Amino acid sequence: MSEQMNQEQLESIMGLIIHAGNAKSDAMEAIQEAKQGNFELAEEKIAQAEKSLNEAHHAQTGLLAQEASGEAMTITLLTVHSQDHLMTSITFVDLAKEIIDVYKISVRD
């Protein structure tokens, strides 16, 4: 941990990674449920994924607020990794929703 990275920043970064990872995992489970025709469970998993994304955004907002208030933020590989995790998870959840819709259409046809 960098000398300038305080405990609060580290906790925010780790929270971002954890919640973004949970969102991606839930989205993958949602796709698997849709693949099996379990659309209600797939939608529940997507809702969980969106909740995790919201928590990740809160962690990110905490970091942004600290920096905006003048608190120095050291950019480390861990910081970059956390942002990468968030952006990947957002994209993955969006794509999972589309894939679930495709499965729903294929069942109707």
PDB file of N, CA and C in Angstrom:
ATOM      1  N   MET A   1       0.848  -1.181   0.000  1.00  0.00           N
ATOM      2  CA  MET A   1       0.000   0.000   0.000  1.00  0.00           C
ATOM      3  C   MET A   1       0.888   1.237   0.000  1.00  0.00           C
ATOM      4  N   SER A   2       0.603   2.164  -0.865  1.00  0.00           N
ATOM      5  CA  SER A   2       1.363   3.400  -0.960  1.00  0.00           C
ATOM      6  C   SER A   2       1.234   4.205   0.329  1.00  0.00           C
ATOM      7  N   GLU A   3       2.262   4.978   0.627  1.00  0.00           N
ATOM      8  CA  GLU A   3       2.212   5.829   1.817  1.00  0.00           C
ATOM      9  C   GLU A   3       1.035   6.794   1.757  1.00  0.00           C
ATOM     10  N   GLN A   4       0.718   7.261   0.557  1.00  0.00           N
ATOM     11  CA  GLN A   4      -0.342   8.257   0.435  1.00  0.00           C
ATOM     12  C   GLN A   4      -1.737   7.646   0.334  1.00  0.00           C
ATOM     13  N   MET A   5      -1.834   6.339   0.124  1.00  0.00           N
ATOM     14  CA  MET A   5      -3.142   5.706   0.045  1.00  0.00           C
ATOM     15  C   MET A   5      -3.587   5.365   1.465  1.00  0.00           C
ATOM     16  N   ASN A   6      -4.643   6.009   1.918  1.00  0.00           N
ATOM     17  CA  ASN A   6      -5.092   5.754   3.278  1.00  0.00           C
ATOM     18  C   ASN A   6      -6.034   4.553   3.324  1.00  0.00           C
ATOM     19  N   GLN A   7      -6.384   4.159   4.527  1.00  0.00           N
ATOM     20  CA  GLN A   7      -7.226   2.977   4.727  1.00  0.00           C
ATOM     21  C   GLN A   7      -8.589   3.142   4.062  1.00  0.00           C
ATOM     22  N   GLU A   8      -9.155   4.324   4.138  1.00  0.00           N
ATOM     23  CA  GLU A   8     -10.472   4.578   3.527  1.00  0.00           C
ATOM     24  C   GLU A   8     -10.421   4.395   2.011  1.00  0.00           C
ATOM     25  N   GLN A   9      -9.357   4.890   1.391  1.00  0.00           N
ATOM     26  CA  GLN A   9      -9.201   4.721  -0.050  1.00  0.00           C
ATOM     27  C   GLN A   9      -9.048   3.248  -0.413  1.00  0.00           C
ATOM     28  N   LEU A  10      -8.238   2.532   0.348  1.00  0.00           N
ATOM     29  CA  LEU A  10      -8.038   1.107   0.094  1.00  0.00           C
ATOM     30  C   LEU A  10      -9.352   0.336   0.229  1.00  0.00           C
ATOM     31  N   GLU A  11     -10.135   0.663   1.261  1.00  0.00           N
ATOM     32  CA  GLU A  11     -11.425  -0.001   1.449  1.00  0.00           C
ATOM     33  C   GLU A  11     -12.371   0.301   0.286  1.00  0.00           C
ATOM     34  N   SER A  12     -12.356   1.524  -0.200  1.00  0.00           N
ATOM     35  CA  SER A  12     -13.201   1.879  -1.345  1.00  0.00           C
ATOM     36  C   SER A  12     -12.780   1.104  -2.586  1.00  0.00           C
ATOM     37  N   ILE A  13     -11.487   1.018  -2.804  1.00  0.00           N
ATOM     38  CA  ILE A  13     -10.969   0.289  -3.973  1.00  0.00           C
ATOM     39  C   ILE A  13     -11.332  -1.189  -3.884  1.00  0.00           C
ATOM     40  N   MET A  14     -11.141  -1.779  -2.721  1.00  0.00           N
ATOM     41  CA  MET A  14     -11.463  -3.200  -2.559  1.00  0.00           C
ATOM     42  C   MET A  14     -12.972  -3.429  -2.674  1.00  0.00           C
ATOM     43  N   GLY A  15     -13.766  -2.512  -2.147  1.00  0.00           N
ATOM     44  CA  GLY A  15     -15.220  -2.614  -2.287  1.00  0.00           C
ATOM     45  C   GLY A  15     -15.641  -2.557  -3.739  1.00  0.00           C
ATOM     46  N   LEU A  16     -14.998  -1.687  -4.487  1.00  0.00           N
ATOM     47  CA  LEU A  16     -15.283  -1.574  -5.916  1.00  0.00           C
ATOM     48  C   LEU A  16     -14.994  -2.898  -6.622  1.00  0.00           C
ATOM     49  N   ILE A  17     -13.859  -3.492  -6.339  1.00  0.00           N
ATOM     50  CA  ILE A  17     -13.473  -4.765  -6.970  1.00  0.00           C
ATOM     51  C   ILE A  17     -14.448  -5.877  -6.573  1.00  0.00           C
ATOM     52  N   ILE A  18     -14.756  -5.972  -5.303  1.00  0.00           N
ATOM     53  CA  ILE A  18     -15.639  -7.039  -4.814  1.00  0.00           C
ATOM     54  C   ILE A  18     -17.034  -6.917  -5.415  1.00  0.00           C
ATOM     55  N   HIS A  19     -17.617  -5.727  -5.350  1.00  0.00           N
ATOM     56  CA  HIS A  19     -18.988  -5.544  -5.843  1.00  0.00           C
ATOM     57  C   HIS A  19     -19.063  -5.689  -7.363  1.00  0.00           C
ATOM     58  N   ALA A  20     -18.065  -5.195  -8.059  1.00  0.00           N
ATOM     59  CA  ALA A  20     -18.058  -5.354  -9.518  1.00  0.00           C
ATOM     60  C   ALA A  20     -17.921  -6.831  -9.887  1.00  0.00           C
ATOM     61  N   GLY A  21     -17.080  -7.547  -9.166  1.00  0.00           N
ATOM     62  CA  GLY A  21     -16.923  -8.982  -9.414  1.00  0.00           C
ATOM     63  C   GLY A  21     -18.202  -9.750  -9.134  1.00  0.00           C
ATOM     64  N   ASN A  22     -18.892  -9.377  -8.055  1.00  0.00           N
ATOM     65  CA  ASN A  22     -20.170 -10.018  -7.741  1.00  0.00           C
ATOM     66  C   ASN A  22     -21.199  -9.754  -8.838  1.00  0.00           C
ATOM     67  N   ALA A  23     -21.215  -8.543  -9.367  1.00  0.00           N
ATOM     68  CA  ALA A  23     -22.155  -8.206 -10.437  1.00  0.00           C
ATOM     69  C   ALA A  23     -21.902  -9.070 -11.663  1.00  0.00           C
ATOM     70  N   LYS A  24     -20.653  -9.222 -12.018  1.00  0.00           N
ATOM     71  CA  LYS A  24     -20.320 -10.030 -13.188  1.00  0.00           C
ATOM     72  C   LYS A  24     -20.702 -11.489 -12.969  1.00  0.00           C
ATOM     73  N   SER A  25     -20.443 -12.011 -11.789  1.00  0.00           N
ATOM     74  CA  SER A  25     -20.797 -13.397 -11.474  1.00  0.00           C
ATOM     75  C   SER A  25     -22.311 -13.603 -11.533  1.00  0.00           C
ATOM     76  N   ASP A  26     -23.058 -12.678 -10.963  1.00  0.00           N
ATOM     77  CA  ASP A  26     -24.520 -12.783 -11.000  1.00  0.00           C
ATOM     78  C   ASP A  26     -25.043 -12.707 -12.428  1.00  0.00           C
ATOM     79  N   ALA A  27     -24.434 -11.869 -13.236  1.00  0.00           N
ATOM     80  CA  ALA A  27     -24.854 -11.751 -14.638  1.00  0.00           C
ATOM     81  C   ALA A  27     -24.588 -13.050 -15.390  1.00  0.00           C
ATOM     82  N   MET A  28     -23.458 -13.676 -15.118  1.00  0.00           N
ATOM     83  CA  MET A  28     -23.158 -14.960 -15.759  1.00  0.00           C
ATOM     84  C   MET A  28     -24.164 -16.018 -15.321  1.00  0.00           C
ATOM     85  N   GLU A  29     -24.491 -16.043 -14.037  1.00  0.00           N
ATOM     86  CA  GLU A  29     -25.497 -16.984 -13.547  1.00  0.00           C
ATOM     87  C   GLU A  29     -26.859 -16.699 -14.184  1.00  0.00           C
ATOM     88  N   ALA A  30     -27.172 -15.438 -14.407  1.00  0.00           N
ATOM     89  CA  ALA A  30     -28.441 -15.074 -15.050  1.00  0.00           C
ATOM     90  C   ALA A  30     -28.509 -15.642 -16.468  1.00  0.00           C
ATOM     91  N   ILE A  31     -27.414 -15.547 -17.195  1.00  0.00           N
ATOM     92  CA  ILE A  31     -27.370 -16.098 -18.552  1.00  0.00           C
ATOM     93  C   ILE A  31     -27.585 -17.611 -18.504  1.00  0.00           C
ATOM     94  N   GLN A  32     -26.926 -18.277 -17.568  1.00  0.00           N
ATOM     95  CA  GLN A  32     -27.067 -19.732 -17.455  1.00  0.00           C
ATOM     96  C   GLN A  32     -28.505 -20.123 -17.121  1.00  0.00           C
ATOM     97  N   GLU A  33     -29.153 -19.353 -16.268  1.00  0.00           N
ATOM     98  CA  GLU A  33     -30.552 -19.634 -15.934  1.00  0.00           C
ATOM     99  C   GLU A  33     -31.454 -19.424 -17.150  1.00  0.00           C
ATOM    100  N   ALA A  34     -31.215 -18.363 -17.885  1.00  0.00           N
ATOM    101  CA  ALA A  34     -32.007 -18.109 -19.090  1.00  0.00           C
ATOM    102  C   ALA A  34     -31.805 -19.214 -20.113  1.00  0.00           C
ATOM    103  N   LYS A  35     -30.602 -19.681 -20.217  1.00  0.00           N
ATOM    104  CA  LYS A  35     -30.278 -20.770 -21.141  1.00  0.00           C
ATOM    105  C   LYS A  35     -31.102 -22.018 -20.823  1.00  0.00           C
ATOM    106  N   GLN A  36     -31.399 -22.223 -19.536  1.00  0.00           N
ATOM    107  CA  GLN A  36     -32.198 -23.359 -19.096  1.00  0.00           C
ATOM    108  C   GLN A  36     -33.699 -23.051 -19.114  1.00  0.00           C
ATOM    109  N   GLY A  37     -34.049 -21.819 -19.514  1.00  0.00           N
ATOM    110  CA  GLY A  37     -35.459 -21.431 -19.558  1.00  0.00           C
ATOM    111  C   GLY A  37     -36.001 -20.919 -18.245  1.00  0.00           C
ATOM    112  N   ASN A  38     -35.132 -20.706 -17.271  1.00  0.00           N
ATOM    113  CA  ASN A  38     -35.542 -20.201 -15.949  1.00  0.00           C
ATOM    114  C   ASN A  38     -35.482 -18.670 -15.941  1.00  0.00           C
ATOM    115  N   PHE A  39     -36.418 -18.054 -16.636  1.00  0.00           N
ATOM    116  CA  PHE A  39     -36.348 -16.603 -16.848  1.00  0.00           C
ATOM    117  C   PHE A  39     -36.614 -15.794 -15.584  1.00  0.00           C
ATOM    118  N   GLU A  40     -37.464 -16.301 -14.718  1.00  0.00           N
ATOM    119  CA  GLU A  40     -37.725 -15.578 -13.469  1.00  0.00           C
ATOM    120  C   GLU A  40     -36.451 -15.520 -12.620  1.00  0.00           C
ATOM    121  N   LEU A  41     -35.774 -16.643 -12.510  1.00  0.00           N
ATOM    122  CA  LEU A  41     -34.515 -16.681 -11.753  1.00  0.00           C
ATOM    123  C   LEU A  41     -33.439 -15.838 -12.442  1.00  0.00           C
ATOM    124  N   ALA A  42     -33.438 -15.863 -13.773  1.00  0.00           N
ATOM    125  CA  ALA A  42     -32.481 -15.036 -14.522  1.00  0.00           C
ATOM    126  C   ALA A  42     -32.700 -13.552 -14.200  1.00  0.00           C
ATOM    127  N   GLU A  43     -33.949 -13.131 -14.149  1.00  0.00           N
ATOM    128  CA  GLU A  43     -34.243 -11.723 -13.830  1.00  0.00           C
ATOM    129  C   GLU A  43     -33.844 -11.380 -12.402  1.00  0.00           C
ATOM    130  N   GLU A  44     -34.021 -12.330 -11.482  1.00  0.00           N
ATOM    131  CA  GLU A  44     -33.590 -12.109 -10.096  1.00  0.00           C
ATOM    132  C   GLU A  44     -32.073 -11.926 -10.039  1.00  0.00           C
ATOM    133  N   LYS A  45     -31.354 -12.740 -10.800  1.00  0.00           N
ATOM    134  CA  LYS A  45     -29.886 -12.634 -10.829  1.00  0.00           C
ATOM    135  C   LYS A  45     -29.451 -11.292 -11.425  1.00  0.00           C
ATOM    136  N   ILE A  46     -30.153 -10.845 -12.454  1.00  0.00           N
ATOM    137  CA  ILE A  46     -29.834  -9.529 -13.038  1.00  0.00           C
ATOM    138  C   ILE A  46     -30.100  -8.427 -12.016  1.00  0.00           C
ATOM    139  N   ALA A  47     -31.183  -8.548 -11.276  1.00  0.00           N
ATOM    140  CA  ALA A  47     -31.479  -7.549 -10.235  1.00  0.00           C
ATOM    141  C   ALA A  47     -30.365  -7.534  -9.181  1.00  0.00           C
ATOM    142  N   GLN A  48     -29.876  -8.710  -8.810  1.00  0.00           N
ATOM    143  CA  GLN A  48     -28.756  -8.784  -7.855  1.00  0.00           C
ATOM    144  C   GLN A  48     -27.501  -8.150  -8.453  1.00  0.00           C
ATOM    145  N   ALA A  49     -27.273  -8.405  -9.737  1.00  0.00           N
ATOM    146  CA  ALA A  49     -26.108  -7.825 -10.415  1.00  0.00           C
ATOM    147  C   ALA A  49     -26.194  -6.304 -10.406  1.00  0.00           C
ATOM    148  N   GLU A  50     -27.374  -5.781 -10.684  1.00  0.00           N
ATOM    149  CA  GLU A  50     -27.545  -4.325 -10.695  1.00  0.00           C
ATOM    150  C   GLU A  50     -27.359  -3.731  -9.304  1.00  0.00           C
ATOM    151  N   LYS A  51     -27.799  -4.457  -8.279  1.00  0.00           N
ATOM    152  CA  LYS A  51     -27.584  -3.998  -6.903  1.00  0.00           C
ATOM    153  C   LYS A  51     -26.089  -3.946  -6.594  1.00  0.00           C
ATOM    154  N   SER A  52     -25.358  -4.969  -7.016  1.00  0.00           N
ATOM    155  CA  SER A  52     -23.906  -4.981  -6.797  1.00  0.00           C
ATOM    156  C   SER A  52     -23.222  -3.853  -7.561  1.00  0.00           C
ATOM    157  N   LEU A  53     -23.684  -3.592  -8.786  1.00  0.00           N
ATOM    158  CA  LEU A  53     -23.125  -2.463  -9.551  1.00  0.00           C
ATOM    159  C   LEU A  53     -23.369  -1.149  -8.826  1.00  0.00           C
ATOM    160  N   ASN A  54     -24.546  -1.021  -8.235  1.00  0.00           N
ATOM    161  CA  ASN A  54     -24.864   0.192  -7.488  1.00  0.00           C
ATOM    162  C   ASN A  54     -23.913   0.354  -6.306  1.00  0.00           C
ATOM    163  N   GLU A  55     -23.633  -0.743  -5.614  1.00  0.00           N
ATOM    164  CA  GLU A  55     -22.680  -0.702  -4.503  1.00  0.00           C
ATOM    165  C   GLU A  55     -21.276  -0.335  -5.003  1.00  0.00           C
ATOM    166  N   ALA A  56     -20.897  -0.868  -6.148  1.00  0.00           N
ATOM    167  CA  ALA A  56     -19.591  -0.534  -6.723  1.00  0.00           C
ATOM    168  C   ALA A  56     -19.525   0.949  -7.068  1.00  0.00           C
ATOM    169  N   HIS A  57     -20.620   1.473  -7.604  1.00  0.00           N
ATOM    170  CA  HIS A  57     -20.667   2.905  -7.927  1.00  0.00           C
ATOM    171  C   HIS A  57     -20.522   3.750  -6.656  1.00  0.00           C
ATOM    172  N   HIS A  58     -21.127   3.298  -5.568  1.00  0.00           N
ATOM    173  CA  HIS A  58     -20.992   4.027  -4.299  1.00  0.00           C
ATOM    174  C   HIS A  58     -19.523   4.072  -3.861  1.00  0.00           C
ATOM    175  N   ALA A  59     -18.838   2.953  -4.021  1.00  0.00           N
ATOM    176  CA  ALA A  59     -17.415   2.918  -3.663  1.00  0.00           C
ATOM    177  C   ALA A  59     -16.626   3.880  -4.549  1.00  0.00           C
ATOM    178  N   GLN A  60     -16.939   3.869  -5.842  1.00  0.00           N
ATOM    179  CA  GLN A  60     -16.264   4.762  -6.770  1.00  0.00           C
ATOM    180  C   GLN A  60     -16.560   6.227  -6.425  1.00  0.00           C
ATOM    181  N   THR A  61     -17.796   6.521  -6.081  1.00  0.00           N
ATOM    182  CA  THR A  61     -18.185   7.882  -5.717  1.00  0.00           C
ATOM    183  C   THR A  61     -17.421   8.338  -4.478  1.00  0.00           C
ATOM    184  N   GLY A  62     -17.200   7.409  -3.547  1.00  0.00           N
ATOM    185  CA  GLY A  62     -16.415   7.748  -2.365  1.00  0.00           C
ATOM    186  C   GLY A  62     -15.009   8.182  -2.724  1.00  0.00           C
ATOM    187  N   LEU A  63     -14.404   7.464  -3.659  1.00  0.00           N
ATOM    188  CA  LEU A  63     -13.060   7.841  -4.109  1.00  0.00           C
ATOM    189  C   LEU A  63     -13.069   9.201  -4.801  1.00  0.00           C
ATOM    190  N   LEU A  64     -14.054   9.410  -5.651  1.00  0.00           N
ATOM    191  CA  LEU A  64     -14.145  10.689  -6.369  1.00  0.00           C
ATOM    192  C   LEU A  64     -14.379  11.847  -5.405  1.00  0.00           C
ATOM    193  N   ALA A  65     -15.211  11.626  -4.395  1.00  0.00           N
ATOM    194  CA  ALA A  65     -15.491  12.680  -3.416  1.00  0.00           C
ATOM    195  C   ALA A  65     -14.241  13.029  -2.614  1.00  0.00           C
ATOM    196  N   GLN A  66     -13.459  12.008  -2.257  1.00  0.00           N
ATOM    197  CA  GLN A  66     -12.213  12.268  -1.526  1.00  0.00           C
ATOM    198  C   GLN A  66     -11.275  13.127  -2.355  1.00  0.00           C
ATOM    199  N   GLU A  67     -11.144  12.770  -3.617  1.00  0.00           N
ATOM    200  CA  GLU A  67     -10.248  13.538  -4.486  1.00  0.00           C
ATOM    201  C   GLU A  67     -10.773  14.955  -4.706  1.00  0.00           C
ATOM    202  N   ALA A  68     -12.085  15.076  -4.892  1.00  0.00           N
ATOM    203  CA  ALA A  68     -12.679  16.402  -5.116  1.00  0.00           C
ATOM    204  C   ALA A  68     -12.528  17.307  -3.902  1.00  0.00           C
ATOM    205  N   SER A  69     -12.459  16.701  -2.716  1.00  0.00           N
ATOM    206  CA  SER A  69     -12.310  17.506  -1.502  1.00  0.00           C
ATOM    207  C   SER A  69     -10.853  17.887  -1.241  1.00  0.00           C
ATOM    208  N   GLY A  70      -9.980  17.507  -2.167  1.00  0.00           N
ATOM    209  CA  GLY A  70      -8.579  17.898  -2.043  1.00  0.00           C
ATOM    210  C   GLY A  70      -7.687  16.838  -1.439  1.00  0.00           C
ATOM    211  N   GLU A  71      -8.259  15.702  -1.097  1.00  0.00           N
ATOM    212  CA  GLU A  71      -7.457  14.621  -0.546  1.00  0.00           C
ATOM    213  C   GLU A  71      -6.658  13.969  -1.669  1.00  0.00           C
ATOM    214  N   ALA A  72      -5.365  13.874  -1.492  1.00  0.00           N
ATOM    215  CA  ALA A  72      -4.497  13.313  -2.527  1.00  0.00           C
ATOM    216  C   ALA A  72      -4.833  11.845  -2.753  1.00  0.00           C
ATOM    217  N   MET A  73      -4.870  11.456  -4.018  1.00  0.00           N
ATOM    218  CA  MET A  73      -5.155  10.071  -4.382  1.00  0.00           C
ATOM    219  C   MET A  73      -3.994   9.567  -5.202  1.00  0.00           C
ATOM    220  N   THR A  74      -3.321   8.557  -4.690  1.00  0.00           N
ATOM    221  CA  THR A  74      -2.233   7.940  -5.423  1.00  0.00           C
ATOM    222  C   THR A  74      -2.830   6.888  -6.343  1.00  0.00           C
ATOM    223  N   ILE A  75      -2.540   7.001  -7.621  1.00  0.00           N
ATOM    224  CA  ILE A  75      -3.041   6.032  -8.587  1.00  0.00           C
ATOM    225  C   ILE A  75      -2.066   4.858  -8.618  1.00  0.00           C
ATOM    226  N   THR A  76      -2.585   3.697  -8.248  1.00  0.00           N
ATOM    227  CA  THR A  76      -1.777   2.484  -8.240  1.00  0.00           C
ATOM    228  C   THR A  76      -2.377   1.493  -9.234  1.00  0.00           C
ATOM    229  N   LEU A  77      -1.680   0.396  -9.444  1.00  0.00           N
ATOM    230  CA  LEU A  77      -2.211  -0.655 -10.292  1.00  0.00           C
ATOM    231  C   LEU A  77      -3.531  -1.177  -9.726  1.00  0.00           C
ATOM    232  N   LEU A  78      -3.636  -1.230  -8.406  1.00  0.00           N
ATOM    233  CA  LEU A  78      -4.867  -1.674  -7.764  1.00  0.00           C
ATOM    234  C   LEU A  78      -6.027  -0.718  -8.072  1.00  0.00           C
ATOM    235  N   THR A  79      -5.753   0.568  -8.087  1.00  0.00           N
ATOM    236  CA  THR A  79      -6.773   1.562  -8.425  1.00  0.00           C
ATOM    237  C   THR A  79      -7.251   1.372  -9.861  1.00  0.00           C
ATOM    238  N   VAL A  80      -6.320   1.217 -10.772  1.00  0.00           N
ATOM    239  CA  VAL A  80      -6.660   1.005 -12.182  1.00  0.00           C
ATOM    240  C   VAL A  80      -7.435  -0.295 -12.337  1.00  0.00           C
ATOM    241  N   HIS A  81      -6.998  -1.331 -11.643  1.00  0.00           N
ATOM    242  CA  HIS A  81      -7.671  -2.625 -11.695  1.00  0.00           C
ATOM    243  C   HIS A  81      -9.131  -2.502 -11.242  1.00  0.00           C
ATOM    244  N   SER A  82      -9.364  -1.731 -10.200  1.00  0.00           N
ATOM    245  CA  SER A  82     -10.728  -1.566  -9.694  1.00  0.00           C
ATOM    246  C   SER A  82     -11.619  -0.890 -10.723  1.00  0.00           C
ATOM    247  N   GLN A  83     -11.097   0.105 -11.405  1.00  0.00           N
ATOM    248  CA  GLN A  83     -11.878   0.790 -12.439  1.00  0.00           C
ATOM    249  C   GLN A  83     -12.136  -0.123 -13.632  1.00  0.00           C
ATOM    250  N   ASP A  84     -11.140  -0.919 -13.968  1.00  0.00           N
ATOM    251  CA  ASP A  84     -11.284  -1.880 -15.057  1.00  0.00           C
ATOM    252  C   ASP A  84     -12.361  -2.910 -14.720  1.00  0.00           C
ATOM    253  N   HIS A  85     -12.336  -3.386 -13.486  1.00  0.00           N
ATOM    254  CA  HIS A  85     -13.351  -4.337 -13.036  1.00  0.00           C
ATOM    255  C   HIS A  85     -14.756  -3.744 -13.171  1.00  0.00           C
ATOM    256  N   LEU A  86     -14.912  -2.512 -12.747  1.00  0.00           N
ATOM    257  CA  LEU A  86     -16.223  -1.862 -12.806  1.00  0.00           C
ATOM    258  C   LEU A  86     -16.721  -1.737 -14.239  1.00  0.00           C
ATOM    259  N   MET A  87     -15.880  -1.217 -15.118  1.00  0.00           N
ATOM    260  CA  MET A  87     -16.303  -1.009 -16.506  1.00  0.00           C
ATOM    261  C   MET A  87     -16.615  -2.329 -17.203  1.00  0.00           C
ATOM    262  N   THR A  88     -15.813  -3.353 -16.936  1.00  0.00           N
ATOM    263  CA  THR A  88     -16.062  -4.673 -17.524  1.00  0.00           C
ATOM    264  C   THR A  88     -17.386  -5.233 -17.019  1.00  0.00           C
ATOM    265  N   SER A  89     -17.651  -5.085 -15.748  1.00  0.00           N
ATOM    266  CA  SER A  89     -18.882  -5.609 -15.167  1.00  0.00           C
ATOM    267  C   SER A  89     -20.112  -4.887 -15.689  1.00  0.00           C
ATOM    268  N   ILE A  90     -20.018  -3.586 -15.850  1.00  0.00           N
ATOM    269  CA  ILE A  90     -21.147  -2.831 -16.412  1.00  0.00           C
ATOM    270  C   ILE A  90     -21.470  -3.356 -17.807  1.00  0.00           C
ATOM    271  N   THR A  91     -20.447  -3.520 -18.618  1.00  0.00           N
ATOM    272  CA  THR A  91     -20.639  -4.031 -19.973  1.00  0.00           C
ATOM    273  C   THR A  91     -21.206  -5.441 -19.947  1.00  0.00           C
ATOM    274  N   PHE A  92     -20.684  -6.277 -19.056  1.00  0.00           N
ATOM    275  CA  PHE A  92     -21.125  -7.664 -18.977  1.00  0.00           C
ATOM    276  C   PHE A  92     -22.592  -7.751 -18.575  1.00  0.00           C
ATOM    277  N   VAL A  93     -23.014  -6.952 -17.614  1.00  0.00           N
ATOM    278  CA  VAL A  93     -24.419  -6.961 -17.181  1.00  0.00           C
ATOM    279  C   VAL A  93     -25.315  -6.495 -18.322  1.00  0.00           C
ATOM    280  N   ASP A  94     -24.900  -5.451 -19.031  1.00  0.00           N
ATOM    281  CA  ASP A  94     -25.691  -4.974 -20.179  1.00  0.00           C
ATOM    282  C   ASP A  94     -25.840  -6.065 -21.237  1.00  0.00           C
ATOM    283  N   LEU A  95     -24.754  -6.752 -21.541  1.00  0.00           N
ATOM    284  CA  LEU A  95     -24.811  -7.831 -22.528  1.00  0.00           C
ATOM    285  C   LEU A  95     -25.637  -9.011 -22.028  1.00  0.00           C
ATOM    286  N   ALA A  96     -25.556  -9.308 -20.741  1.00  0.00           N
ATOM    287  CA  ALA A  96     -26.351 -10.404 -20.173  1.00  0.00           C
ATOM    288  C   ALA A  96     -27.842 -10.137 -20.364  1.00  0.00           C
ATOM    289  N   LYS A  97     -28.258  -8.888 -20.168  1.00  0.00           N
ATOM    290  CA  LYS A  97     -29.672  -8.539 -20.375  1.00  0.00           C
ATOM    291  C   LYS A  97     -30.095  -8.818 -21.811  1.00  0.00           C
ATOM    292  N   GLU A  98     -29.240  -8.463 -22.741  1.00  0.00           N
ATOM    293  CA  GLU A  98     -29.546  -8.700 -24.156  1.00  0.00           C
ATOM    294  C   GLU A  98     -29.602 -10.196 -24.464  1.00  0.00           C
ATOM    295  N   ILE A  99     -28.667 -10.945 -23.911  1.00  0.00           N
ATOM    296  CA  ILE A  99     -28.647 -12.396 -24.141  1.00  0.00           C
ATOM    297  C   ILE A  99     -29.904 -13.043 -23.570  1.00  0.00           C
ATOM    298  N   ILE A 100     -30.317 -12.614 -22.402  1.00  0.00           N
ATOM    299  CA  ILE A 100     -31.544 -13.142 -21.798  1.00  0.00           C
ATOM    300  C   ILE A 100     -32.740 -12.843 -22.695  1.00  0.00           C
ATOM    301  N   ASP A 101     -32.788 -11.632 -23.235  1.00  0.00           N
ATOM    302  CA  ASP A 101     -33.881 -11.289 -24.159  1.00  0.00           C
ATOM    303  C   ASP A 101     -33.869 -12.189 -25.388  1.00  0.00           C
ATOM    304  N   VAL A 102     -32.708 -12.507 -25.897  1.00  0.00           N
ATOM    305  CA  VAL A 102     -32.606 -13.395 -27.063  1.00  0.00           C
ATOM    306  C   VAL A 102     -33.133 -14.782 -26.703  1.00  0.00           C
ATOM    307  N   TYR A 103     -32.761 -15.283 -25.524  1.00  0.00           N
ATOM    308  CA  TYR A 103     -33.286 -16.574 -25.093  1.00  0.00           C
ATOM    309  C   TYR A 103     -34.808 -16.536 -24.962  1.00  0.00           C
ATOM    310  N   LYS A 104     -35.343 -15.449 -24.443  1.00  0.00           N
ATOM    311  CA  LYS A 104     -36.794 -15.317 -24.312  1.00  0.00           C
ATOM    312  C   LYS A 104     -37.465 -15.353 -25.679  1.00  0.00           C
ATOM    313  N   ILE A 105     -36.890 -14.657 -26.634  1.00  0.00           N
ATOM    314  CA  ILE A 105     -37.451 -14.648 -27.996  1.00  0.00           C
ATOM    315  C   ILE A 105     -37.395 -16.032 -28.607  1.00  0.00           C
ATOM    316  N   SER A 106     -36.302 -16.750 -28.400  1.00  0.00           N
ATOM    317  CA  SER A 106     -36.168 -18.077 -29.006  1.00  0.00           C
ATOM    318  C   SER A 106     -37.185 -19.065 -28.442  1.00  0.00           C
ATOM    319  N   VAL A 107     -37.602 -18.859 -27.186  1.00  0.00           N
ATOM    320  CA  VAL A 107     -38.606 -19.727 -26.578  1.00  0.00           C
ATOM    321  C   VAL A 107     -39.985 -19.443 -27.170  1.00  0.00           C
ATOM    322  N   ARG A 108     -40.255 -18.170 -27.464  1.00  0.00           N
ATOM    323  CA  ARG A 108     -41.548 -17.791 -28.030  1.00  0.00           C
ATOM    324  C   ARG A 108     -41.733 -18.314 -29.433  1.00  0.00           C
ATOM    325  N   ASP A 109     -40.646 -18.399 -30.181  1.00  0.00           N
ATOM    326  CA  ASP A 109     -40.729 -18.791 -31.597  1.00  0.00           C
ATOM    327  C   ASP A 109     -40.847 -20.262 -31.810  1.00  0.00           C
TER     328      ASP A 109
END
